Protein backbone atom coordinates (compact mmCIF):
# COMPACT_ATOMS: atom_id res chain seq x y z
CA MET A 1 30.44 8.12 8.08
CA LEU A 2 30.77 8.73 11.66
CA ILE A 3 27.48 9.12 14.01
CA THR A 4 27.47 10.01 16.96
CA ALA A 5 23.91 9.83 19.48
CA GLY A 6 23.47 10.35 23.23
CA ARG A 7 21.86 6.35 22.77
CA VAL A 8 22.50 3.67 20.30
CA LEU A 9 20.66 1.08 21.04
CA VAL A 10 23.25 -1.92 20.61
CA GLY A 11 21.03 -4.96 22.17
CA SER A 12 17.35 -5.74 22.88
CA GLY A 13 16.11 -3.08 25.59
CA THR A 14 19.97 -2.49 25.78
CA TYR A 15 21.37 1.35 25.78
CA LEU A 16 25.29 2.43 24.80
CA ASN A 17 24.78 5.81 26.03
CA ASP A 18 26.88 8.58 24.85
CA GLY A 19 27.47 6.59 21.45
CA ALA A 20 29.16 6.09 18.02
CA VAL A 21 28.48 3.86 15.20
CA LEU A 22 30.96 4.48 12.37
CA VAL A 23 30.21 3.15 9.02
CA GLU A 24 32.33 2.63 5.81
CA GLY A 25 31.20 1.44 2.92
CA ASP A 26 27.85 -0.19 3.01
CA SER A 27 28.59 -1.44 6.46
CA ILE A 28 28.92 -0.88 10.05
CA THR A 29 32.61 -1.17 11.03
CA ALA A 30 32.54 -0.09 14.79
CA VAL A 31 30.51 0.59 17.39
CA GLY A 32 31.44 2.07 21.27
CA PRO A 33 31.75 4.80 23.61
CA ARG A 34 31.75 8.10 21.59
CA ALA A 35 35.01 8.95 22.86
CA GLU A 36 36.90 5.60 21.37
CA ILE A 37 35.24 5.38 18.58
CA THR A 38 35.50 9.22 17.43
CA GLU A 39 39.54 8.54 17.89
CA GLN A 40 39.66 5.07 15.49
CA ALA A 41 37.79 7.43 12.66
CA PRO A 42 39.67 8.51 9.39
CA SER A 43 40.07 12.56 10.22
CA ASP A 44 38.39 12.91 7.16
CA VAL A 45 35.32 11.46 7.41
CA MET A 46 31.60 12.94 7.63
CA HIS A 47 30.61 13.17 11.25
CA LEU A 48 26.81 13.17 11.84
CA GLU A 49 26.63 14.70 15.67
CA PHE A 50 22.83 13.65 16.86
CA PRO A 51 23.54 14.86 20.91
CA GLY A 52 20.21 13.70 22.52
CA ALA A 53 19.19 11.70 19.98
CA THR A 54 18.62 7.79 19.77
CA VAL A 55 19.99 5.31 17.21
CA VAL A 56 18.24 2.37 16.55
CA PRO A 57 18.47 -0.58 13.73
CA GLY A 58 16.47 0.40 10.60
CA LEU A 59 12.94 -0.99 10.95
CA VAL A 60 11.27 -3.89 8.88
CA ASP A 61 8.07 -3.68 7.62
CA ALA A 62 7.53 -7.57 7.29
CA HIS A 63 4.24 -7.31 4.96
CA VAL A 64 3.78 -4.85 2.05
CA HIS A 65 2.06 -4.56 -1.12
CA LEU A 66 3.71 -1.92 -3.35
CA ALA A 67 1.67 -2.55 -6.21
CA PHE A 68 -1.66 -1.19 -4.46
CA ASP A 69 -2.39 2.49 -3.35
CA GLY A 70 -3.62 2.34 0.17
CA GLY A 71 -6.84 3.45 -1.20
CA ALA A 72 -10.41 2.68 -0.83
CA ASP A 73 -9.93 0.05 -3.62
CA PRO A 74 -6.50 -0.76 -4.31
CA VAL A 75 -7.48 -3.76 -6.70
CA ALA A 76 -9.49 -1.09 -9.07
CA ALA A 77 -6.68 1.21 -9.11
CA LEU A 78 -4.23 -1.56 -9.57
CA ARG A 79 -5.94 -2.69 -12.70
CA GLU A 80 -6.11 1.07 -13.85
CA SER A 81 -3.22 1.06 -14.38
CA ASP A 82 -0.26 -0.30 -16.98
CA ASP A 83 3.13 -1.35 -15.43
CA GLU A 84 5.36 1.87 -16.45
CA THR A 85 2.99 4.06 -14.40
CA LEU A 86 2.62 1.43 -11.84
CA LEU A 87 6.46 1.93 -11.39
CA GLN A 88 6.50 5.14 -11.12
CA ASP A 89 3.87 4.88 -8.24
CA VAL A 90 5.79 1.78 -6.60
CA ARG A 91 9.13 4.00 -6.43
CA ARG A 92 7.18 6.90 -4.57
CA ARG A 93 5.72 4.04 -2.01
CA ALA A 94 9.38 2.79 -1.61
CA GLU A 95 10.33 6.21 -0.35
CA GLN A 96 7.27 6.82 1.95
CA LEU A 97 8.22 3.50 3.66
CA LEU A 98 12.09 5.51 3.58
CA ASN A 99 11.25 8.40 5.37
CA SER A 100 9.46 6.56 7.69
CA GLY A 101 12.62 4.80 9.05
CA VAL A 102 11.94 1.55 7.50
CA THR A 103 15.10 0.16 5.71
CA THR A 104 13.94 -3.02 4.86
CA ALA A 105 10.51 -4.18 3.90
CA ARG A 106 9.29 -7.46 2.41
CA ASP A 107 6.68 -7.30 -0.42
CA LEU A 108 4.49 -10.15 -0.84
CA GLY A 109 2.33 -9.41 -3.84
CA ASP A 110 4.06 -8.49 -7.27
CA ARG A 111 2.62 -8.10 -10.88
CA ASN A 112 4.75 -8.82 -14.10
CA GLY A 113 8.16 -8.19 -11.81
CA VAL A 114 7.28 -4.50 -11.44
CA VAL A 115 8.62 -4.73 -7.69
CA LEU A 116 11.42 -7.13 -8.45
CA ARG A 117 12.41 -3.83 -11.04
CA LEU A 118 11.97 -1.25 -8.04
CA ALA A 119 13.95 -3.75 -6.22
CA GLU A 120 16.96 -3.54 -8.46
CA GLU A 121 16.69 -0.28 -9.08
CA ILE A 122 17.19 0.80 -5.10
CA ALA A 123 20.03 -1.74 -4.98
CA SER A 124 21.70 0.12 -7.52
CA GLY A 125 21.32 3.37 -5.58
CA SER A 126 19.39 4.86 -8.81
CA THR A 127 16.32 4.96 -6.60
CA PRO A 128 15.66 6.04 -2.81
CA GLY A 129 14.03 3.31 -0.96
CA PRO A 130 14.51 0.35 1.70
CA ARG A 131 15.84 -2.94 0.64
CA ILE A 132 13.55 -4.96 -1.42
CA VAL A 133 12.77 -8.36 -0.40
CA SER A 134 10.17 -9.52 -3.17
CA ALA A 135 7.84 -12.65 -3.30
CA GLY A 136 7.50 -11.77 -7.46
CA THR A 137 4.19 -13.23 -7.72
CA PRO A 138 2.09 -15.37 -5.08
CA ALA A 139 0.99 -18.54 -5.99
CA THR A 140 -2.90 -18.67 -5.59
CA SER A 141 -5.48 -21.56 -7.22
CA PRO A 142 -7.57 -20.46 -9.97
CA GLY A 143 -9.87 -17.57 -9.36
CA GLY A 144 -8.60 -17.20 -5.80
CA HIS A 145 -6.95 -14.27 -3.61
CA CYS A 146 -5.26 -12.24 -5.95
CA HIS A 147 -5.77 -14.20 -8.60
CA PHE A 148 -5.21 -10.68 -10.76
CA LEU A 149 -1.80 -10.88 -10.03
CA GLY A 150 -1.64 -13.47 -12.57
CA GLY A 151 -0.36 -16.14 -10.09
CA GLU A 152 -3.09 -19.08 -10.77
CA VAL A 153 -1.80 -22.68 -10.26
CA SER A 154 -3.57 -25.80 -10.57
CA GLY A 155 -1.78 -28.79 -9.30
CA VAL A 156 1.89 -30.03 -8.04
CA ALA A 157 3.82 -29.30 -11.40
CA GLN A 158 2.66 -25.19 -12.28
CA ALA A 159 3.14 -24.70 -8.36
CA ARG A 160 6.85 -25.88 -8.66
CA ASP A 161 7.12 -24.07 -11.80
CA LEU A 162 6.03 -20.68 -10.68
CA VAL A 163 8.41 -21.57 -7.62
CA ARG A 164 11.21 -21.25 -10.04
CA ARG A 165 10.55 -18.46 -12.60
CA ASN A 166 10.01 -16.70 -9.29
CA ILE A 167 13.32 -17.12 -7.86
CA THR A 168 14.44 -17.10 -11.36
CA ALA A 169 13.16 -13.08 -11.60
CA GLY A 170 14.89 -12.67 -8.33
CA ALA A 171 12.46 -13.33 -5.99
CA GLY A 172 13.93 -13.65 -2.19
CA VAL A 173 10.90 -15.14 -0.64
CA ILE A 174 7.88 -17.26 -1.86
CA LYS A 175 3.99 -16.16 -1.27
CA ALA A 176 1.19 -18.50 -1.41
CA MET A 177 -1.97 -17.72 -1.06
CA VAL A 178 -2.98 -20.45 1.31
CA SER A 179 -6.77 -19.18 2.45
CA GLY A 180 -9.16 -16.80 0.62
CA GLY A 181 -9.10 -13.29 1.52
CA GLY A 182 -10.88 -9.87 1.68
CA LEU A 183 -9.29 -7.89 -0.82
CA THR A 184 -10.84 -10.62 -3.87
CA LYS A 185 -14.44 -10.31 -3.63
CA ASP A 186 -15.38 -12.65 -5.89
CA GLY A 187 -12.94 -15.46 -4.52
CA PRO A 188 -12.64 -18.05 -1.95
CA LYS A 189 -13.58 -16.68 1.77
CA SER A 190 -11.12 -16.20 4.63
CA TRP A 191 -11.33 -19.09 6.15
CA GLN A 192 -11.52 -21.38 3.23
CA SER A 193 -8.78 -23.40 2.04
CA GLN A 194 -7.13 -23.08 -1.76
CA PHE A 195 -4.55 -25.39 -2.41
CA THR A 196 -4.30 -29.20 -1.46
CA HIS A 197 -2.17 -30.68 0.68
CA GLU A 198 0.64 -31.87 -2.37
CA GLU A 199 0.49 -28.57 -4.10
CA LEU A 200 1.49 -26.53 -0.82
CA ALA A 201 3.97 -29.48 -0.31
CA ALA A 202 5.31 -29.56 -3.37
CA LEU A 203 5.85 -25.20 -3.34
CA VAL A 204 7.66 -25.28 0.21
CA ASP A 205 9.89 -28.12 -1.42
CA GLU A 206 10.90 -26.46 -4.49
CA ALA A 207 11.48 -23.12 -2.55
CA HIS A 208 13.33 -24.87 -0.02
CA GLN A 209 15.36 -26.60 -1.97
CA ALA A 210 16.58 -23.29 -3.86
CA GLY A 211 17.49 -21.98 -0.17
CA VAL A 212 14.21 -19.56 -0.38
CA PRO A 213 11.53 -19.30 2.64
CA VAL A 214 8.02 -19.56 2.07
CA ALA A 215 5.58 -17.21 3.15
CA VAL A 216 1.87 -18.01 3.53
CA HIS A 217 -1.38 -16.00 3.62
CA ALA A 218 -3.51 -17.76 5.69
CA HIS A 219 -6.68 -16.62 7.62
CA GLY A 220 -8.27 -19.79 8.14
CA THR A 221 -7.39 -22.62 10.92
CA ASP A 222 -7.43 -25.28 8.46
CA GLY A 223 -5.31 -23.69 6.16
CA ILE A 224 -2.58 -22.52 9.20
CA SER A 225 -2.39 -26.18 9.78
CA ALA A 226 -1.68 -27.35 6.40
CA ALA A 227 1.04 -24.35 6.11
CA VAL A 228 2.71 -25.77 9.32
CA GLU A 229 2.21 -29.32 8.00
CA ALA A 230 4.10 -28.75 4.71
CA GLY A 231 6.87 -26.39 6.73
CA VAL A 232 6.48 -23.00 5.88
CA ASP A 233 8.84 -20.18 7.18
CA THR A 234 6.06 -17.41 8.00
CA ILE A 235 1.99 -17.47 8.49
CA GLU A 236 0.74 -14.18 7.45
CA HIS A 237 -2.36 -12.83 9.63
CA CYS A 238 -3.12 -16.26 11.33
CA THR A 239 -6.11 -15.24 12.18
CA TRP A 240 -7.63 -18.60 13.01
CA MET A 241 -10.90 -18.14 11.30
CA THR A 242 -13.35 -20.76 10.66
CA SER A 243 -16.84 -20.27 8.93
CA ASP A 244 -18.77 -19.82 12.06
CA GLY A 245 -15.66 -17.97 14.24
CA PHE A 246 -12.48 -18.32 15.65
CA ASP A 247 -10.71 -21.32 16.89
CA LEU A 248 -6.87 -21.31 17.39
CA ARG A 249 -5.57 -24.87 17.78
CA GLN A 250 -3.20 -25.29 20.49
CA ASP A 251 -1.78 -28.38 19.03
CA VAL A 252 -0.95 -26.13 15.97
CA LEU A 253 0.18 -23.37 18.00
CA LYS A 254 3.17 -25.30 19.63
CA ARG A 255 4.13 -26.88 16.43
CA ILE A 256 4.32 -23.39 14.98
CA ILE A 257 6.40 -22.86 17.95
CA ASP A 258 8.34 -25.56 18.18
CA GLN A 259 9.32 -25.44 14.38
CA GLY A 260 10.00 -22.18 14.68
CA ILE A 261 7.60 -20.49 12.64
CA ALA A 262 6.97 -16.71 12.36
CA VAL A 263 3.76 -14.89 12.64
CA CYS A 264 3.15 -12.03 10.76
CA PRO A 265 -0.11 -10.77 12.19
CA ALA A 266 0.28 -7.80 9.40
CA VAL A 267 -1.45 -5.50 11.65
CA SER A 268 -2.90 -2.24 10.13
CA PRO A 269 -2.06 1.23 10.79
CA HIS A 270 -5.56 2.07 11.94
CA TRP A 271 -5.87 -0.91 14.09
CA GLN A 272 -8.29 1.17 16.74
CA MET A 273 -10.77 1.16 13.73
CA LEU A 274 -10.92 -2.20 13.68
CA PRO A 275 -13.93 -2.50 15.98
CA ARG A 276 -16.41 -0.21 14.07
CA PHE A 277 -15.70 -2.18 10.78
CA PHE A 278 -16.09 -5.89 12.69
CA GLY A 279 -18.10 -5.11 16.08
CA GLU A 280 -16.55 -5.02 19.21
CA GLU A 281 -16.98 -8.37 20.30
CA ARG A 282 -15.40 -9.89 17.33
CA ALA A 283 -12.95 -7.37 17.33
CA ALA A 284 -11.88 -8.18 21.08
CA ALA A 285 -12.10 -12.17 19.62
CA MET A 286 -9.55 -11.18 17.21
CA PHE A 287 -7.08 -8.61 19.77
CA ASP A 288 -6.97 -11.82 21.84
CA LEU A 289 -5.62 -14.46 19.69
CA VAL A 290 -2.60 -12.20 18.99
CA ARG A 291 -1.91 -12.09 22.79
CA GLN A 292 -2.64 -15.85 22.92
CA MET A 293 0.10 -16.35 20.30
CA ALA A 294 2.81 -13.48 21.88
CA GLU A 295 1.82 -15.15 25.68
CA ALA A 296 2.55 -18.84 23.99
CA GLY A 297 5.95 -17.82 22.97
CA ALA A 298 4.93 -17.40 19.18
CA LYS A 299 7.97 -15.54 17.26
CA LEU A 300 5.86 -12.21 16.16
CA ILE A 301 6.74 -10.24 13.58
CA ALA A 302 5.85 -6.58 12.46
CA GLY A 303 4.28 -5.78 9.31
CA THR A 304 1.57 -3.32 8.08
CA ASP A 305 -0.02 -4.86 4.57
CA ALA A 306 0.81 -1.18 3.45
CA GLY A 307 -1.25 -0.83 0.56
CA VAL A 308 -4.45 -2.77 0.93
CA GLN A 309 -7.61 -0.87 2.00
CA ARG A 310 -6.37 2.26 4.93
CA ALA A 311 -3.02 1.02 4.95
CA GLY A 312 -0.51 3.58 3.89
CA PHE A 313 3.45 3.17 3.36
CA ASP A 314 4.29 5.51 6.93
CA GLY A 315 2.06 3.22 8.90
CA LEU A 316 4.82 0.89 10.75
CA VAL A 317 5.16 2.57 13.66
CA PRO A 318 1.36 3.34 14.68
CA ALA A 319 1.09 -0.18 13.70
CA LEU A 320 3.51 -1.20 16.81
CA SER A 321 1.00 0.73 18.80
CA PHE A 322 -1.17 -2.30 18.98
CA TYR A 323 1.09 -4.63 20.46
CA ALA A 324 1.77 -2.24 23.23
CA TYR A 325 -1.77 -2.04 23.67
CA LEU A 326 -1.73 -5.92 24.17
CA GLY A 327 0.57 -5.27 27.19
CA LEU A 328 4.22 -6.51 25.32
CA PRO A 329 7.41 -4.20 26.79
CA ASN A 330 8.39 -1.98 24.08
CA SER A 331 11.84 -3.66 23.80
CA LYS A 332 10.19 -6.72 22.35
CA ILE A 333 7.92 -4.77 20.15
CA LEU A 334 11.20 -2.96 18.88
CA ASP A 335 13.07 -6.60 18.17
CA MET A 336 9.88 -7.32 16.28
CA ALA A 337 10.45 -4.92 14.07
CA THR A 338 14.42 -5.41 14.04
CA THR A 339 16.06 -8.25 14.93
CA ASP A 340 13.05 -10.61 14.50
CA ALA A 341 12.00 -9.74 11.96
CA ALA A 342 15.34 -9.62 10.19
CA ASP A 343 15.85 -12.93 11.40
CA ALA A 344 12.63 -14.14 9.91
CA LEU A 345 13.33 -12.41 6.47
CA GLY A 346 16.59 -14.49 6.16
CA LEU A 347 18.76 -11.81 7.09
CA GLY A 348 19.27 -12.10 10.74
CA LYS A 349 23.03 -12.13 9.74
CA LYS A 350 23.01 -8.96 7.74
CA THR A 351 20.60 -6.32 9.06
CA GLY A 352 18.59 -5.36 12.20
CA ARG A 353 21.27 -5.03 14.68
CA ILE A 354 23.87 -2.55 14.92
CA THR A 355 27.42 -4.72 15.78
CA PRO A 356 30.61 -4.60 13.42
CA GLY A 357 30.20 -6.42 9.93
CA PHE A 358 26.77 -6.03 9.47
CA ARG A 359 24.54 -3.54 6.68
CA ALA A 360 24.42 -0.10 7.97
CA ASP A 361 20.85 0.21 8.52
CA LEU A 362 20.14 2.72 11.25
CA LEU A 363 17.72 4.97 12.33
CA VAL A 364 17.95 8.50 14.09
CA ILE A 365 15.14 9.47 15.80
CA ASP A 366 14.26 11.79 18.92
CA GLY A 367 13.53 10.75 22.46
CA ASP A 368 13.56 7.53 23.52
CA PRO A 369 11.62 4.33 22.06
CA LEU A 370 12.22 2.24 25.03
CA GLU A 371 9.95 4.52 27.02
CA ASP A 372 7.46 6.18 24.07
CA LEU A 373 7.05 4.42 20.91
CA ASP A 374 6.10 7.18 19.32
CA ALA A 375 9.49 8.51 19.29
CA LEU A 376 9.80 6.50 16.39
CA LYS A 377 8.07 9.02 14.75
CA ALA A 378 10.58 11.73 15.04
CA VAL A 379 12.82 10.84 12.06
CA ARG A 380 16.26 12.86 12.02
CA ALA A 381 17.85 10.80 9.79
CA VAL A 382 17.68 7.65 7.87
CA VAL A 383 20.96 5.65 6.92
CA THR A 384 20.25 2.44 4.39
CA GLY A 385 23.29 0.37 3.00
CA GLY A 386 25.92 3.20 4.33
CA ARG A 387 23.17 5.83 2.52
CA ARG A 388 21.94 8.82 4.25
CA TYR A 389 18.47 9.98 3.66
CA GLU A 390 16.62 12.70 5.48
CA PRO A 391 12.90 13.20 5.61
CA GLY A 392 11.71 14.81 2.48
CA ARG A 393 14.71 14.45 0.37
CA THR A 394 15.05 12.23 -2.28
CA THR A 395 19.47 12.24 -2.81
CA ALA A 396 21.45 10.10 -0.92
CA GLN A 397 24.43 10.94 0.65
CA GLU A 398 27.24 8.85 0.74
């Protein structure tokens, strides 16, 4: 496959004009000026020409929940669905991600291995979708946040056992619910911690011994601090909540930065509506916490929490507008949804960049996203692992 276009994003904020990308199998084999790469290409190569368009790395949504439907009550919908019906639904949701330009998604909450089954189908080429990095069943305390997914553990031995079972099943990341959350109405409050220091340390140790990263759901300041102490790899939400407000601890934030822990705020595609739900003052405070982390140098990565209330599986680009609202440059925001996210998922040497030897995960769009992020919505074609898809089509083209 030879893709030529008006622009190819070859580095942070850097275009190659009138460029070309040569793909063989599932990998990028050459990137360079159109005339030069065209001359290198085999005479019978499939040539996809997009004059005036832009090629960027395929997008990474670092926080999705394919088991949830994004409706008014995703927990109730999940409970009413058997696993075979759920598998059909997650296939459809995965294709929505792909059609929106997402070529890698990290799923952070499965039930009975359904998303792991989907990941295998996608990897084999039998089902269209992005590469899925699945956490399997997330760990939680008895009766804790998302306990209905089946990951309740108590004590060090049970924490280690759940990690081992998830990794054996094929999990590429371990998820722990370090604090409560709003999705679980009968569980701990969002600022309340759910694990002892010993439990969390054991969970992280077991995962890291197997070479698997750990992502933690943490709203509470105490939970964030405990996660940093345990040496986790990414912190999801990271809203610095306390029982009576917010408390961003600068000493903990410094450790997050020094330890290279990535933060995924998991911004809703409908973030503009948050003042209506939380109130203007509280929403402004939440927004400012993300701004403070960005200005301090924390490594922020893009994710949407797709599947929870009002968060569909085509919302990554609308969610990215939140960071533009905070004042981040478009080049940095694109990095957050490509290179930086790939690095945080442990895939930074395989995807997230348009460079020879990397997996052919590409997005072709009309317009210039460095000028206008909304250009990312104008999808012309998506290539994932060397397979080409077009929005609305379900058949891969080699």
